[in-house]
Structure formats: C-alpha cells, structure tokens
Amino acid sequence: MLEELNKIRFARFRMELEAIDRLRLPPYKGSTFRGAFGNTFKRLVCVKRDLVCASCLIQQQCVYYYVFETPMDVGVGEGRGYTFAPHPFIIEPPEEIQEYYEPGSLLKVGLVLVGRSLNYLAHFIYAFDEMGNHGLGQGRGKAALKRVFAVGRDGEKLIYTVGERRLDNRYPIFEGPRGGGQAGQQIKLRLHTPTRLKEGGRLSDSVGFPLLVRRLLRRTSDLARFHCQAELTLDYHAWIARSEQVAVASSDLRWHDWERYSHRQETRMQMGGVVGEICYQGDLEPFMPLLRLGEELHVGKGTGFGLGRYEIL
C-alpha cells in the first residue's frame, strides 16, 4: 500500500495573519476562513463573475474552476452523489475557541495543497492577503497577512513575507505519508474536528474501522486521480475485507453540531460530525500508511473547512 500512496504529492503551509481591528470570530472558525477565502479567490481570478462556471468559455483555463469545481470524469461520480471531485486544498483554522482577538493578535491558519494545486500557491497567498483586507467575521474586522511558512519534517521554513513580496518556491513536498507501520495490536485516534462519514446514505455517529478505511481509500484514490494525475492500483475489495477483522476496542465519540451559512446557496447548512477518541484492535500495521496519510489529508465530507482532522495518539 505504501508504494501506491506515495503517488500522492502534497505540501503543508502555515499562514500568519495579524488582527488590525478587533475581531469577533466563532468558536470553530472553519466556515469563516473557508467562506471568505472562496469568495476572495473568485473575486481575484474570475473574469466573468456574473456567469456560472459551467457556461464560461474559459473554464478549462481558469484557476478558480480547477480549485473549486474540478469536474468528475464521466461515470466516476455516478452513484456517489458527487458533482465535483474533492477540493485539492484543506484549510485548517486556528485551533483555539476564543471569539475575540485584539489588534496585534496573531491568527495561525494551516493550509494543505495537493498535487497540481501546488502550482497555484501564489494565488492562495494573495487570496489570504486580500480576504484579510476585506474583513473577517462579525463586523468585518480587518487582518493583515504577515508571513507564510512551509511546514516540513524538520520544522518550518519562512517562504513569504509581506514586506519582501517575494515567494521562495523551494519548500518540501511530501510524497505519501510521513511514516508507516509499527502499530501493534491497538491504536487510538483522536478526532479533533467534526468528522462526517456517510454509510448507507446517512451520516454515521460511529466510526467502525471498515467505514474509516473505505472513506480513506475513496478520498486518497480521488485525490490521486484528479489532482496528482495518478491511479492507485490497489485491490480495494481485499483491503476492505481485511479491515473487517479490526474491531472497536473502546470509543468516547460524541456528536458535535456545527452550522454555517452558505452565501452561494443562501441557506444555513448543518455540518455536524463526531469528535472524541476511538481505539481499534486487530492487525493494524498494514493500514498504518493509509492512516498516516489521513492524518495529513483529513477524511470525510467538508475537509475544505478543516473537518475530518484526526491524530494518531
């Protein structure tokens, strides 16, 4: 499995924004940053904002169309309820639950870019810069992007500062997971952000190991295909069958409700999922590369908002 997962290329970054005004943000800030980022990105790169992407003549050359509306291949999304391929980015909002930030406070936002989206790192940086200038949260308080770091195995590297306006493209790119086996017979996962896994067309309030493996296999194979121009040649049925031999040893999961407002759809949307800790028992070592990669790329629905982030303890 490890050799196949090494086809997935990605990089991690950390954006530092400084509050200019007093900011008021919700306890979970994924919707704030993802919503502001999406609106700003389109405003920066779209030449015909009055058109829907599907009717735009230059959609195939448009960065926004690729990043936000990557089309599924004919037949691939049928039966899955998918219209678009998974986004090639993950925004990891500040972890603290505080709501007020005084002027001068720093906000640290994680960003993961997968495959071809790495070609557009400068677009992402400009979008973060501009969305801070436009205002965030209740009252549209302003924030200024100060620095961007690339996060590697051996620490962080400063690749952009506002003062210099020059991007250093020499940053580490990972191929596959950062680590592999040595799991033993038990492993514990901590689900930090609401994790939304569907089973039988419904969101599940439990995370059995076969369900987790199926969703990780689907996500990694889609990211490889649509953003890394690679096909994972895994025997999916065999891996899923093998996952059924791993049981839940203990679980302290709970449902966490979370709501966001979609300006595009002009409606409030429920984005709840499970958080907490869960322990699995069985032959886990063969699955460790997949689980390690899931730590980096999240799992389930809403990963662009930072949902589905878990940690192997």
C-alpha atoms as a PDB file:
ATOM      1  CA  MET A   1       0.000   0.000   0.000  1.00  0.00           C
ATOM      2  CA  LEU A   2       2.780   2.435   0.872  1.00  0.00           C
ATOM      3  CA  GLU A   3       4.196   2.422  -2.665  1.00  0.00           C
ATOM      4  CA  GLU A   4       0.791   3.310  -4.127  1.00  0.00           C
ATOM      5  CA  LEU A   5       0.113   6.091  -1.611  1.00  0.00           C
ATOM      6  CA  ASN A   6       3.483   7.648  -2.472  1.00  0.00           C
ATOM      7  CA  LYS A   7       1.849   8.797  -5.717  1.00  0.00           C
ATOM      8  CA  ILE A   8       0.025  11.496  -3.753  1.00  0.00           C
ATOM      9  CA  ARG A   9       2.056  14.715  -3.574  1.00  0.00           C
ATOM     10  CA  PHE A  10       1.213  17.462  -1.109  1.00  0.00           C
ATOM     11  CA  ALA A  11       2.718  20.267   0.935  1.00  0.00           C
ATOM     12  CA  ARG A  12       1.787  21.935   4.198  1.00  0.00           C
ATOM     13  CA  PHE A  13       1.883  25.662   4.919  1.00  0.00           C
ATOM     14  CA  ARG A  14       1.095  27.980   7.815  1.00  0.00           C
ATOM     15  CA  MET A  15      -0.301  31.461   7.265  1.00  0.00           C
ATOM     16  CA  GLU A  16       0.165  34.098   9.944  1.00  0.00           C
ATOM     17  CA  LEU A  17      -2.357  36.937   9.993  1.00  0.00           C
ATOM     18  CA  GLU A  18      -2.276  39.865  12.409  1.00  0.00           C
ATOM     19  CA  ALA A  19      -5.507  41.430  13.624  1.00  0.00           C
ATOM     20  CA  ILE A  20      -5.704  45.102  12.624  1.00  0.00           C
ATOM     21  CA  ASP A  21      -9.149  45.705  14.115  1.00  0.00           C
ATOM     22  CA  ARG A  22     -10.775  43.900  16.993  1.00  0.00           C
ATOM     23  CA  LEU A  23     -12.025  40.621  15.503  1.00  0.00           C
ATOM     24  CA  ARG A  24     -15.022  38.595  16.545  1.00  0.00           C
ATOM     25  CA  LEU A  25     -14.900  35.062  15.185  1.00  0.00           C
ATOM     26  CA  PRO A  26     -16.950  31.947  16.016  1.00  0.00           C
ATOM     27  CA  PRO A  27     -15.500  29.233  18.281  1.00  0.00           C
ATOM     28  CA  TYR A  28     -14.936  26.991  15.243  1.00  0.00           C
ATOM     29  CA  LYS A  29     -13.525  29.189  12.536  1.00  0.00           C
ATOM     30  CA  GLY A  30     -13.519  26.828   9.562  1.00  0.00           C
ATOM     31  CA  SER A  31     -16.562  28.383   7.926  1.00  0.00           C
ATOM     32  CA  THR A  32     -15.251  31.925   8.424  1.00  0.00           C
ATOM     33  CA  PHE A  33     -11.928  31.262   6.713  1.00  0.00           C
ATOM     34  CA  ARG A  34     -13.213  28.891   4.051  1.00  0.00           C
ATOM     35  CA  GLY A  35     -16.116  31.181   3.117  1.00  0.00           C
ATOM     36  CA  ALA A  36     -14.000  34.326   2.992  1.00  0.00           C
ATOM     37  CA  PHE A  37     -11.269  32.519   1.093  1.00  0.00           C
ATOM     38  CA  GLY A  38     -13.620  31.137  -1.568  1.00  0.00           C
ATOM     39  CA  ASN A  39     -15.307  34.494  -2.193  1.00  0.00           C
ATOM     40  CA  THR A  40     -11.968  36.286  -2.360  1.00  0.00           C
ATOM     41  CA  PHE A  41     -10.365  33.702  -4.641  1.00  0.00           C
ATOM     42  CA  LYS A  42     -13.176  34.039  -7.160  1.00  0.00           C
ATOM     43  CA  ARG A  43     -13.082  37.824  -6.974  1.00  0.00           C
ATOM     44  CA  LEU A  44      -9.356  37.803  -7.708  1.00  0.00           C
ATOM     45  CA  VAL A  45      -9.210  35.375 -10.634  1.00  0.00           C
ATOM     46  CA  CYS A  46     -12.660  35.232 -12.245  1.00  0.00           C
ATOM     47  CA  VAL A  47     -13.066  37.360 -15.389  1.00  0.00           C
ATOM     48  CA  LYS A  48     -16.845  36.822 -15.695  1.00  0.00           C
ATOM     49  CA  ARG A  49     -18.254  36.719 -12.179  1.00  0.00           C
ATOM     50  CA  ASP A  50     -21.803  37.102 -13.494  1.00  0.00           C
ATOM     51  CA  LEU A  51     -21.588  33.650 -15.143  1.00  0.00           C
ATOM     52  CA  VAL A  52     -21.776  30.196 -13.594  1.00  0.00           C
ATOM     53  CA  CYS A  53     -18.609  28.237 -14.283  1.00  0.00           C
ATOM     54  CA  ALA A  54     -20.399  25.604 -16.369  1.00  0.00           C
ATOM     55  CA  SER A  55     -21.313  28.205 -19.020  1.00  0.00           C
ATOM     56  CA  CYS A  56     -17.971  30.033 -19.091  1.00  0.00           C
ATOM     57  CA  LEU A  57     -15.869  29.729 -22.241  1.00  0.00           C
ATOM     58  CA  ILE A  58     -12.540  29.778 -20.406  1.00  0.00           C
ATOM     59  CA  GLN A  59     -13.406  27.320 -17.653  1.00  0.00           C
ATOM     60  CA  GLN A  60     -10.660  24.874 -18.661  1.00  0.00           C
ATOM     61  CA  GLN A  61      -8.027  27.604 -18.257  1.00  0.00           C
ATOM     62  CA  CYS A  62      -9.492  29.070 -15.062  1.00  0.00           C
ATOM     63  CA  VAL A  63      -7.715  28.517 -11.740  1.00  0.00           C
ATOM     64  CA  TYR A  64     -10.936  29.035  -9.780  1.00  0.00           C
ATOM     65  CA  TYR A  65     -12.755  26.386 -11.820  1.00  0.00           C
ATOM     66  CA  TYR A  66      -9.961  23.889 -11.231  1.00  0.00           C
ATOM     67  CA  VAL A  67      -9.651  24.557  -7.496  1.00  0.00           C
ATOM     68  CA  PHE A  68     -13.337  24.762  -6.583  1.00  0.00           C
ATOM     69  CA  GLU A  69     -15.258  22.929  -9.292  1.00  0.00           C
ATOM     70  CA  THR A  70     -12.931  20.205 -10.539  1.00  0.00           C
ATOM     71  CA  PRO A  71     -15.251  18.086 -12.700  1.00  0.00           C
ATOM     72  CA  MET A  72     -15.663  14.368 -12.195  1.00  0.00           C
ATOM     73  CA  ASP A  73     -14.830  12.128 -15.128  1.00  0.00           C
ATOM     74  CA  VAL A  74     -17.896  10.756 -16.908  1.00  0.00           C
ATOM     75  CA  GLY A  75     -19.201   7.817 -14.912  1.00  0.00           C
ATOM     76  CA  VAL A  76     -16.812   8.221 -11.964  1.00  0.00           C
ATOM     77  CA  GLY A  77     -19.180  10.152  -9.716  1.00  0.00           C
ATOM     78  CA  GLU A  78     -22.309   8.242 -10.651  1.00  0.00           C
ATOM     79  CA  GLY A  79     -23.917   6.580  -7.682  1.00  0.00           C
ATOM     80  CA  ARG A  80     -21.780   8.568  -5.227  1.00  0.00           C
ATOM     81  CA  GLY A  81     -23.848  11.739  -5.210  1.00  0.00           C
ATOM     82  CA  TYR A  82     -20.796  13.724  -6.298  1.00  0.00           C
ATOM     83  CA  THR A  83     -20.907  16.636  -8.724  1.00  0.00           C
ATOM     84  CA  PHE A  84     -17.262  17.662  -8.383  1.00  0.00           C
ATOM     85  CA  ALA A  85     -14.018  15.986  -7.416  1.00  0.00           C
ATOM     86  CA  PRO A  86     -12.707  16.680  -3.883  1.00  0.00           C
ATOM     87  CA  HIS A  87     -11.018  20.044  -3.467  1.00  0.00           C
ATOM     88  CA  PRO A  88      -7.211  19.952  -3.719  1.00  0.00           C
ATOM     89  CA  PHE A  89      -6.830  22.078  -0.590  1.00  0.00           C
ATOM     90  CA  ILE A  90      -7.553  21.918   3.132  1.00  0.00           C
ATOM     91  CA  ILE A  91      -7.861  24.983   5.339  1.00  0.00           C
ATOM     92  CA  GLU A  92      -7.046  24.236   8.982  1.00  0.00           C
ATOM     93  CA  PRO A  93      -8.421  27.148  11.038  1.00  0.00           C
ATOM     94  CA  PRO A  94      -6.905  28.337  14.339  1.00  0.00           C
ATOM     95  CA  GLU A  95      -7.443  25.670  16.973  1.00  0.00           C
ATOM     96  CA  GLU A  96      -8.335  27.987  19.869  1.00  0.00           C
ATOM     97  CA  ILE A  97     -12.022  28.516  20.611  1.00  0.00           C
ATOM     98  CA  GLN A  98     -11.680  32.161  21.675  1.00  0.00           C
ATOM     99  CA  GLU A  99     -14.032  34.557  19.931  1.00  0.00           C
ATOM    100  CA  TYR A 100     -12.350  37.945  20.357  1.00  0.00           C
ATOM    101  CA  TYR A 101      -8.932  38.938  19.027  1.00  0.00           C
ATOM    102  CA  GLU A 102      -7.482  42.303  19.961  1.00  0.00           C
ATOM    103  CA  PRO A 103      -5.438  44.352  17.471  1.00  0.00           C
ATOM    104  CA  GLY A 104      -1.952  42.865  17.180  1.00  0.00           C
ATOM    105  CA  SER A 105      -3.092  39.310  17.911  1.00  0.00           C
ATOM    106  CA  LEU A 106      -1.784  36.590  15.596  1.00  0.00           C
ATOM    107  CA  LEU A 107      -4.023  34.035  13.892  1.00  0.00           C
ATOM    108  CA  LYS A 108      -2.316  30.908  12.579  1.00  0.00           C
ATOM    109  CA  VAL A 109      -4.087  29.136   9.724  1.00  0.00           C
ATOM    110  CA  GLY A 110      -2.893  25.862   8.235  1.00  0.00           C
ATOM    111  CA  LEU A 111      -3.125  25.148   4.511  1.00  0.00           C
ATOM    112  CA  VAL A 112      -2.573  21.833   2.721  1.00  0.00           C
ATOM    113  CA  LEU A 113      -2.225  21.798  -1.064  1.00  0.00           C
ATOM    114  CA  VAL A 114      -2.397  18.580  -3.073  1.00  0.00           C
ATOM    115  CA  GLY A 115      -0.883  17.790  -6.467  1.00  0.00           C
ATOM    116  CA  ARG A 116      -1.474  20.305  -9.253  1.00  0.00           C
ATOM    117  CA  SER A 117      -2.814  22.940  -6.838  1.00  0.00           C
ATOM    118  CA  LEU A 118       0.800  23.478  -5.712  1.00  0.00           C
ATOM    119  CA  ASN A 119       1.292  25.333  -8.999  1.00  0.00           C
ATOM    120  CA  TYR A 120      -1.094  27.973  -7.666  1.00  0.00           C
ATOM    121  CA  LEU A 121       0.420  28.604  -4.236  1.00  0.00           C
ATOM    122  CA  ALA A 122       0.832  32.310  -5.085  1.00  0.00           C
ATOM    123  CA  HIS A 123      -2.911  32.530  -5.849  1.00  0.00           C
ATOM    124  CA  PHE A 124      -3.698  31.085  -2.415  1.00  0.00           C
ATOM    125  CA  ILE A 125      -1.346  33.533  -0.707  1.00  0.00           C
ATOM    126  CA  TYR A 126      -2.853  36.535  -2.494  1.00  0.00           C
ATOM    127  CA  ALA A 127      -6.344  35.314  -1.597  1.00  0.00           C
ATOM    128  CA  PHE A 128      -5.423  35.081   2.095  1.00  0.00           C
ATOM    129  CA  ASP A 129      -3.885  38.541   1.918  1.00  0.00           C
ATOM    130  CA  GLU A 130      -6.919  40.074   0.243  1.00  0.00           C
ATOM    131  CA  MET A 131      -9.528  38.340   2.408  1.00  0.00           C
ATOM    132  CA  GLY A 132      -7.874  39.809   5.500  1.00  0.00           C
ATOM    133  CA  ASN A 133      -8.007  43.271   3.961  1.00  0.00           C
ATOM    134  CA  HIS A 134     -11.675  42.750   3.121  1.00  0.00           C
ATOM    135  CA  GLY A 135     -12.542  41.765   6.685  1.00  0.00           C
ATOM    136  CA  LEU A 136     -13.308  38.641   8.685  1.00  0.00           C
ATOM    137  CA  GLY A 137     -16.083  37.566  10.995  1.00  0.00           C
ATOM    138  CA  GLN A 138     -18.825  39.606  12.584  1.00  0.00           C
ATOM    139  CA  GLY A 139     -18.269  43.287  11.856  1.00  0.00           C
ATOM    140  CA  ARG A 140     -15.746  42.514   9.112  1.00  0.00           C
ATOM    141  CA  GLY A 141     -12.691  43.297  11.205  1.00  0.00           C
ATOM    142  CA  LYS A 142      -9.530  43.579   9.164  1.00  0.00           C
ATOM    143  CA  ALA A 143      -6.462  41.392   9.439  1.00  0.00           C
ATOM    144  CA  ALA A 144      -3.145  41.530   7.577  1.00  0.00           C
ATOM    145  CA  LEU A 145      -1.242  38.555   6.226  1.00  0.00           C
ATOM    146  CA  LYS A 146       2.289  38.849   7.585  1.00  0.00           C
ATOM    147  CA  ARG A 147       4.201  35.654   6.866  1.00  0.00           C
ATOM    148  CA  VAL A 148       3.851  32.246   5.222  1.00  0.00           C
ATOM    149  CA  PHE A 149       5.801  29.192   6.375  1.00  0.00           C
ATOM    150  CA  ALA A 150       6.289  25.845   4.669  1.00  0.00           C
ATOM    151  CA  VAL A 151       5.983  23.005   7.189  1.00  0.00           C
ATOM    152  CA  GLY A 152       8.446  20.156   6.702  1.00  0.00           C
ATOM    153  CA  ARG A 153       9.576  17.096   8.613  1.00  0.00           C
ATOM    154  CA  ASP A 154      12.371  19.051  10.261  1.00  0.00           C
ATOM    155  CA  GLY A 155      10.488  22.203  11.130  1.00  0.00           C
ATOM    156  CA  GLU A 156       9.245  25.295   9.343  1.00  0.00           C
ATOM    157  CA  LYS A 157      10.767  27.452   6.629  1.00  0.00           C
ATOM    158  CA  LEU A 158       9.784  31.062   6.003  1.00  0.00           C
ATOM    159  CA  ILE A 159       8.882  31.349   2.311  1.00  0.00           C
ATOM    160  CA  TYR A 160       6.995  34.663   2.121  1.00  0.00           C
ATOM    161  CA  THR A 161       6.813  37.947   3.978  1.00  0.00           C
ATOM    162  CA  VAL A 162       4.599  40.873   3.070  1.00  0.00           C
ATOM    163  CA  GLY A 163       7.496  43.291   3.193  1.00  0.00           C
ATOM    164  CA  GLU A 164       9.544  41.499   0.541  1.00  0.00           C
ATOM    165  CA  ARG A 165       6.659  40.380  -1.699  1.00  0.00           C
ATOM    166  CA  ARG A 166       8.811  37.547  -2.983  1.00  0.00           C
ATOM    167  CA  LEU A 167       7.864  33.862  -2.776  1.00  0.00           C
ATOM    168  CA  ASP A 168      10.504  31.199  -2.191  1.00  0.00           C
ATOM    169  CA  ASN A 169       9.314  28.137  -4.102  1.00  0.00           C
ATOM    170  CA  ARG A 170      11.960  25.881  -2.559  1.00  0.00           C
ATOM    171  CA  TYR A 171       9.781  24.152   0.001  1.00  0.00           C
ATOM    172  CA  PRO A 172       9.363  20.480   0.962  1.00  0.00           C
ATOM    173  CA  ILE A 173       6.820  18.423  -0.963  1.00  0.00           C
ATOM    174  CA  PHE A 174       5.718  15.153   0.570  1.00  0.00           C
ATOM    175  CA  GLU A 175       5.071  12.025  -1.448  1.00  0.00           C
ATOM    176  CA  GLY A 176       2.745   9.805   0.514  1.00  0.00           C
ATOM    177  CA  PRO A 177       2.530   9.512   4.310  1.00  0.00           C
ATOM    178  CA  ARG A 178       5.134  10.703   6.768  1.00  0.00           C
ATOM    179  CA  GLY A 179       5.629   7.332   8.465  1.00  0.00           C
ATOM    180  CA  GLY A 180       4.344   3.804   8.196  1.00  0.00           C
ATOM    181  CA  GLY A 181       3.766   0.771  10.374  1.00  0.00           C
ATOM    182  CA  GLN A 182       4.713  -0.314  13.905  1.00  0.00           C
ATOM    183  CA  ALA A 183       1.175  -0.075  15.212  1.00  0.00           C
ATOM    184  CA  GLY A 184       0.975  -3.167  17.373  1.00  0.00           C
ATOM    185  CA  GLN A 185      -2.456  -4.624  18.028  1.00  0.00           C
ATOM    186  CA  GLN A 186      -4.097  -1.403  19.208  1.00  0.00           C
ATOM    187  CA  ILE A 187      -4.219   2.169  18.032  1.00  0.00           C
ATOM    188  CA  LYS A 188      -6.078   5.215  19.307  1.00  0.00           C
ATOM    189  CA  LEU A 189      -7.349   8.075  17.144  1.00  0.00           C
ATOM    190  CA  ARG A 190      -8.409  11.492  18.390  1.00  0.00           C
ATOM    191  CA  LEU A 191     -10.919  13.212  16.096  1.00  0.00           C
ATOM    192  CA  HIS A 192     -10.217  16.899  16.590  1.00  0.00           C
ATOM    193  CA  THR A 193     -12.800  18.413  14.242  1.00  0.00           C
ATOM    194  CA  PRO A 194     -16.277  17.152  13.321  1.00  0.00           C
ATOM    195  CA  THR A 195     -15.864  14.079  11.134  1.00  0.00           C
ATOM    196  CA  ARG A 196     -18.656  13.433   8.675  1.00  0.00           C
ATOM    197  CA  LEU A 197     -18.677   9.889   7.315  1.00  0.00           C
ATOM    198  CA  LYS A 198     -21.657   8.600   5.395  1.00  0.00           C
ATOM    199  CA  GLU A 199     -22.817   4.999   5.495  1.00  0.00           C
ATOM    200  CA  GLY A 200     -25.896   3.863   3.613  1.00  0.00           C
ATOM    201  CA  GLY A 201     -26.549   7.434   2.512  1.00  0.00           C
ATOM    202  CA  ARG A 202     -26.706   8.750   6.084  1.00  0.00           C
ATOM    203  CA  LEU A 203     -24.153  10.414   8.331  1.00  0.00           C
ATOM    204  CA  SER A 204     -22.811   7.944  10.868  1.00  0.00           C
ATOM    205  CA  ASP A 205     -22.485   8.701  14.580  1.00  0.00           C
ATOM    206  CA  SER A 206     -19.939   5.885  14.919  1.00  0.00           C
ATOM    207  CA  VAL A 207     -16.656   5.193  13.149  1.00  0.00           C
ATOM    208  CA  GLY A 208     -16.191   1.489  12.621  1.00  0.00           C
ATOM    209  CA  PHE A 209     -12.812   0.609  11.144  1.00  0.00           C
ATOM    210  CA  PRO A 210     -14.190  -0.676   7.804  1.00  0.00           C
ATOM    211  CA  LEU A 211     -16.113   2.595   7.334  1.00  0.00           C
ATOM    212  CA  LEU A 212     -12.995   4.642   8.091  1.00  0.00           C
ATOM    213  CA  VAL A 213     -10.893   2.577   5.668  1.00  0.00           C
ATOM    214  CA  ARG A 214     -13.476   2.821   2.879  1.00  0.00           C
ATOM    215  CA  ARG A 215     -13.642   6.603   3.165  1.00  0.00           C
ATOM    216  CA  LEU A 216      -9.864   6.968   3.335  1.00  0.00           C
ATOM    217  CA  LEU A 217      -9.431   4.744   0.272  1.00  0.00           C
ATOM    218  CA  ARG A 218     -12.018   6.741  -1.649  1.00  0.00           C
ATOM    219  CA  ARG A 219     -10.502  10.090  -0.694  1.00  0.00           C
ATOM    220  CA  THR A 220      -6.905   9.118  -1.453  1.00  0.00           C
ATOM    221  CA  SER A 221      -7.807   7.488  -4.772  1.00  0.00           C
ATOM    222  CA  ASP A 222      -9.808  10.563  -5.860  1.00  0.00           C
ATOM    223  CA  LEU A 223      -7.048  12.974  -4.839  1.00  0.00           C
ATOM    224  CA  ALA A 224      -4.510  10.881  -6.735  1.00  0.00           C
ATOM    225  CA  ARG A 225      -6.654  10.674  -9.860  1.00  0.00           C
ATOM    226  CA  PHE A 226      -7.934  14.227 -10.144  1.00  0.00           C
ATOM    227  CA  HIS A 227      -5.050  16.216  -8.706  1.00  0.00           C
ATOM    228  CA  CYS A 228      -1.899  14.083  -8.971  1.00  0.00           C
ATOM    229  CA  GLN A 229      -2.590  12.540 -12.398  1.00  0.00           C
ATOM    230  CA  ALA A 230      -2.091   9.062 -10.942  1.00  0.00           C
ATOM    231  CA  GLU A 231      -4.179   5.933 -10.440  1.00  0.00           C
ATOM    232  CA  LEU A 232      -3.923   3.875  -7.263  1.00  0.00           C
ATOM    233  CA  THR A 233      -3.774   0.224  -8.310  1.00  0.00           C
ATOM    234  CA  LEU A 234      -4.944  -1.219  -5.016  1.00  0.00           C
ATOM    235  CA  ASP A 235      -7.158  -4.241  -4.523  1.00  0.00           C
ATOM    236  CA  TYR A 236      -9.860  -2.231  -2.749  1.00  0.00           C
ATOM    237  CA  HIS A 237     -12.125  -5.208  -2.068  1.00  0.00           C
ATOM    238  CA  ALA A 238      -9.268  -7.106  -0.423  1.00  0.00           C
ATOM    239  CA  TRP A 239      -8.294  -4.150   1.776  1.00  0.00           C
ATOM    240  CA  ILE A 240     -11.895  -3.551   2.834  1.00  0.00           C
ATOM    241  CA  ALA A 241     -12.341  -7.245   3.641  1.00  0.00           C
ATOM    242  CA  ARG A 242      -9.156  -7.137   5.699  1.00  0.00           C
ATOM    243  CA  SER A 243     -10.388  -4.059   7.573  1.00  0.00           C
ATOM    244  CA  GLU A 244     -13.407  -6.033   8.791  1.00  0.00           C
ATOM    245  CA  GLN A 245     -11.073  -8.031  11.033  1.00  0.00           C
ATOM    246  CA  VAL A 246     -10.283  -4.884  13.052  1.00  0.00           C
ATOM    247  CA  ALA A 247     -12.713  -4.123  15.882  1.00  0.00           C
ATOM    248  CA  VAL A 248     -13.508  -1.095  18.036  1.00  0.00           C
ATOM    249  CA  ALA A 249     -11.895  -1.732  21.425  1.00  0.00           C
ATOM    250  CA  SER A 250     -13.311   1.410  23.053  1.00  0.00           C
ATOM    251  CA  SER A 251     -14.974   4.628  21.959  1.00  0.00           C
ATOM    252  CA  ASP A 252     -15.561   8.016  23.502  1.00  0.00           C
ATOM    253  CA  LEU A 253     -17.016   9.657  20.411  1.00  0.00           C
ATOM    254  CA  ARG A 254     -19.793  12.216  20.605  1.00  0.00           C
ATOM    255  CA  TRP A 255     -21.772  14.166  18.061  1.00  0.00           C
ATOM    256  CA  HIS A 256     -20.840  17.823  17.689  1.00  0.00           C
ATOM    257  CA  ASP A 257     -23.347  20.048  15.903  1.00  0.00           C
ATOM    258  CA  TRP A 258     -21.997  22.867  13.802  1.00  0.00           C
ATOM    259  CA  GLU A 259     -23.792  25.190  11.415  1.00  0.00           C
ATOM    260  CA  ARG A 260     -22.645  27.502   8.668  1.00  0.00           C
ATOM    261  CA  TYR A 261     -24.337  29.918   6.318  1.00  0.00           C
ATOM    262  CA  SER A 262     -23.796  29.348   2.597  1.00  0.00           C
ATOM    263  CA  HIS A 263     -23.925  32.651   0.696  1.00  0.00           C
ATOM    264  CA  ARG A 264     -23.923  30.814  -2.618  1.00  0.00           C
ATOM    265  CA  GLN A 265     -26.970  28.726  -1.688  1.00  0.00           C
ATOM    266  CA  GLU A 266     -28.430  31.413   0.609  1.00  0.00           C
ATOM    267  CA  THR A 267     -29.248  28.917   3.326  1.00  0.00           C
ATOM    268  CA  ARG A 268     -27.965  27.626   6.640  1.00  0.00           C
ATOM    269  CA  MET A 269     -26.355  24.212   6.495  1.00  0.00           C
ATOM    270  CA  GLN A 270     -25.812  21.676   9.269  1.00  0.00           C
ATOM    271  CA  MET A 271     -22.216  20.464   9.331  1.00  0.00           C
ATOM    272  CA  GLY A 272     -22.179  18.330  12.458  1.00  0.00           C
ATOM    273  CA  GLY A 273     -19.964  15.294  12.914  1.00  0.00           C
ATOM    274  CA  VAL A 274     -18.311  13.092  15.513  1.00  0.00           C
ATOM    275  CA  VAL A 275     -15.379  14.188  17.702  1.00  0.00           C
ATOM    276  CA  GLY A 276     -13.521  12.472  20.513  1.00  0.00           C
ATOM    277  CA  GLU A 277     -11.357   9.374  20.812  1.00  0.00           C
ATOM    278  CA  ILE A 278     -11.699   5.845  19.488  1.00  0.00           C
ATOM    279  CA  CYS A 279      -9.462   2.804  19.926  1.00  0.00           C
ATOM    280  CA  TYR A 280      -9.153  -0.005  17.370  1.00  0.00           C
ATOM    281  CA  GLN A 281      -7.812  -3.504  17.934  1.00  0.00           C
ATOM    282  CA  GLY A 282      -6.549  -6.033  15.409  1.00  0.00           C
ATOM    283  CA  ASP A 283      -3.974  -6.394  12.653  1.00  0.00           C
ATOM    284  CA  LEU A 284      -3.412  -2.656  12.143  1.00  0.00           C
ATOM    285  CA  GLU A 285       0.135  -2.454  10.835  1.00  0.00           C
ATOM    286  CA  PRO A 286      -0.774  -2.927   7.122  1.00  0.00           C
ATOM    287  CA  PHE A 287      -3.183   0.032   7.379  1.00  0.00           C
ATOM    288  CA  MET A 288      -0.731   2.448   9.000  1.00  0.00           C
ATOM    289  CA  PRO A 289       0.394   4.170   5.765  1.00  0.00           C
ATOM    290  CA  LEU A 290      -3.254   4.906   4.924  1.00  0.00           C
ATOM    291  CA  LEU A 291      -3.994   6.134   8.444  1.00  0.00           C
ATOM    292  CA  ARG A 292      -0.862   8.313   8.470  1.00  0.00           C
ATOM    293  CA  LEU A 293      -1.822   9.875   5.165  1.00  0.00           C
ATOM    294  CA  GLY A 294      -5.324  10.510   6.512  1.00  0.00           C
ATOM    295  CA  GLU A 295      -3.751  12.493   9.361  1.00  0.00           C
ATOM    296  CA  GLU A 296      -2.399  14.880   6.739  1.00  0.00           C
ATOM    297  CA  LEU A 297      -5.334  14.960   4.303  1.00  0.00           C
ATOM    298  CA  HIS A 298      -8.305  14.523   6.698  1.00  0.00           C
ATOM    299  CA  VAL A 299     -11.273  12.268   5.980  1.00  0.00           C
ATOM    300  CA  GLY A 300     -14.976  12.567   5.196  1.00  0.00           C
ATOM    301  CA  LYS A 301     -17.047  15.485   3.976  1.00  0.00           C
ATOM    302  CA  GLY A 302     -16.162  19.154   4.465  1.00  0.00           C
ATOM    303  CA  THR A 303     -12.374  18.782   4.527  1.00  0.00           C
ATOM    304  CA  GLY A 304     -12.016  22.204   2.872  1.00  0.00           C
ATOM    305  CA  PHE A 305     -13.432  23.667   6.103  1.00  0.00           C
ATOM    306  CA  GLY A 306     -10.904  21.719   8.170  1.00  0.00           C
ATOM    307  CA  LEU A 307     -13.373  18.982   9.101  1.00  0.00           C
ATOM    308  CA  GLY A 308     -12.293  15.366   9.467  1.00  0.00           C
ATOM    309  CA  ARG A 309      -8.950  16.160  11.116  1.00  0.00           C
ATOM    310  CA  TYR A 310      -7.706  13.368  13.327  1.00  0.00           C
ATOM    311  CA  GLU A 311      -4.487  12.461  15.136  1.00  0.00           C
ATOM    312  CA  ILE A 312      -2.935   9.059  15.835  1.00  0.00           C
ATOM    313  CA  LEU A 313      -2.037   9.008  19.533  1.00  0.00           C
END
